Amino acid sequence: MKIAVILPRFPFPLEKGDKLRAYHQIRCLAGSHEIFLFALNHKKVTRKQIEALKPYCKEIYTYQISFWSVFINLLRSFFNGTPFQAGYFHNRGIRQKIHALINVSQPDHIYCQLLRTALYARGLTFPKTLDYQDVFSTGIKRRIPGAPFYLKWLLRMEYRRLIRFERNIFGWFEFKTIITRPDRDLIPHPERDAIEIVENGVDTDYFKPLERKKEYDLIFSGNMGYPPNVGAALYLVKEIIPRVVARFPGLRVVLAGASPHPDLTALASEHVTVTGWVDDMREYYARSKIFIAPMQIGTGLQNKLLEAMAMRIPCITSPLANYALEAADGCEILVGGTPQEYADHILSLLGDSERADAIASGGYRFAVEKYNWQNAVAKLERGMTKASESYRLTIPR
């Protein structure tokens, strides 16, 4: 098939979950299909970024969204009722250019990632897939209680708009996917069970056990400007770490990831290192004894947990994160519900190397066996092929 892929961000470098998912899906699909990539981006896409995708794409088209375009898009969304998550990325001029190129290339299928690109698919008479990926409305809802009072009204408005938008766009696409079953159950549509679960994977050729000297006791990684990660890091340092330091005064923690929020850079201390962007996250995983992701809000699958597991690092996380991951508590992962429970898990792993090794081994087997990119993309491929065949049967001859 010829597949037109429309993305809200250029899928390289791989510092965000949506970019990671898009990159590996494109990589796997390219083995049997022609990929025409249409990617939005805030900054000008560099030659290095283009070169990373060239081996997998027949054509690559990029569109820079300017500051003024974003401002106008958000203003228009405020008045027309479109969620900001969709309006932010929707540029009418870019949509016209994409439609013109798609009508020339005549793809067999169009694949849109996230509801942010759904508006770009309207008016295109080709079979289409939407990857919801996760549930934006629920993510916003979970942020409302902890938001400043002056933002609560805006988040509530966005939540209501997202609920309506997530329901309405369901019918625009012949095939729908999402990462986890818990997220699918939250989609506000009566036919949500028709959405296919297409898991993420982990690149086990890249993320694999490495022998390194352990310099950190704990690591938490991710995009450190993303609100759920900011909240988790603050919770870790302010609520959990003091309970561990009381019994383990030499504790060393690293918060590794791009774009750290000012509240996180302020956490740097004798116990806490905040790295900012790192070129190779594997080095930080390998130099750490334990990976911890005490996620309090957010939706979707935590790719960072899969990466750490694949590198054979024992992992600790929250019930919210493990609900999507579905690892066995006590065998493949440790789950904490309170600051004291997290602290007890940390101390147990630091004080018992055999237990730490058992959790690391269980997590490694779990990640490698269950989360495989080729298997996940094969489900996506089958769904798109079936949707394309059904669509062609409905076209009047």
Foldseek 3Di string as FASTA:
>chain_A
DEEEEEEAALLPDPQADLSQQVLLLLVLCLVPYAYAYEYEHQDDDDPVSVVSCVVRHPHYHYHHQYPVNQVVQQVVCVPPLAQSLQSSRDDPVSLVVVLVVCVVVVGLEYEYEASNCLVSLPPDQHAYEYENAAQVLQQLVLCLVVDPPVCNVVSVSNSVSSLVSLAVSVVVHLAYEYAFPVRLVVNNYPVSVRHHHQHAADDLVQQAADADAADAAEEEEHAQVDVQNVVQLCCCLPQAVVVQCVVVVQHAYEYEHADHDPVNVVSDDSRYHYDHHDPRCSVVLNNYQEYEGAGDGDIHADVVLLSSLNNLHAYEYEPRNCVGVVADDQQQHPYDHGSVRVSVVSVVCVVDVVSRNRNSVNVNCSRVPPGDSNVSSVVVVVRRVVSSVVSVVPDDD
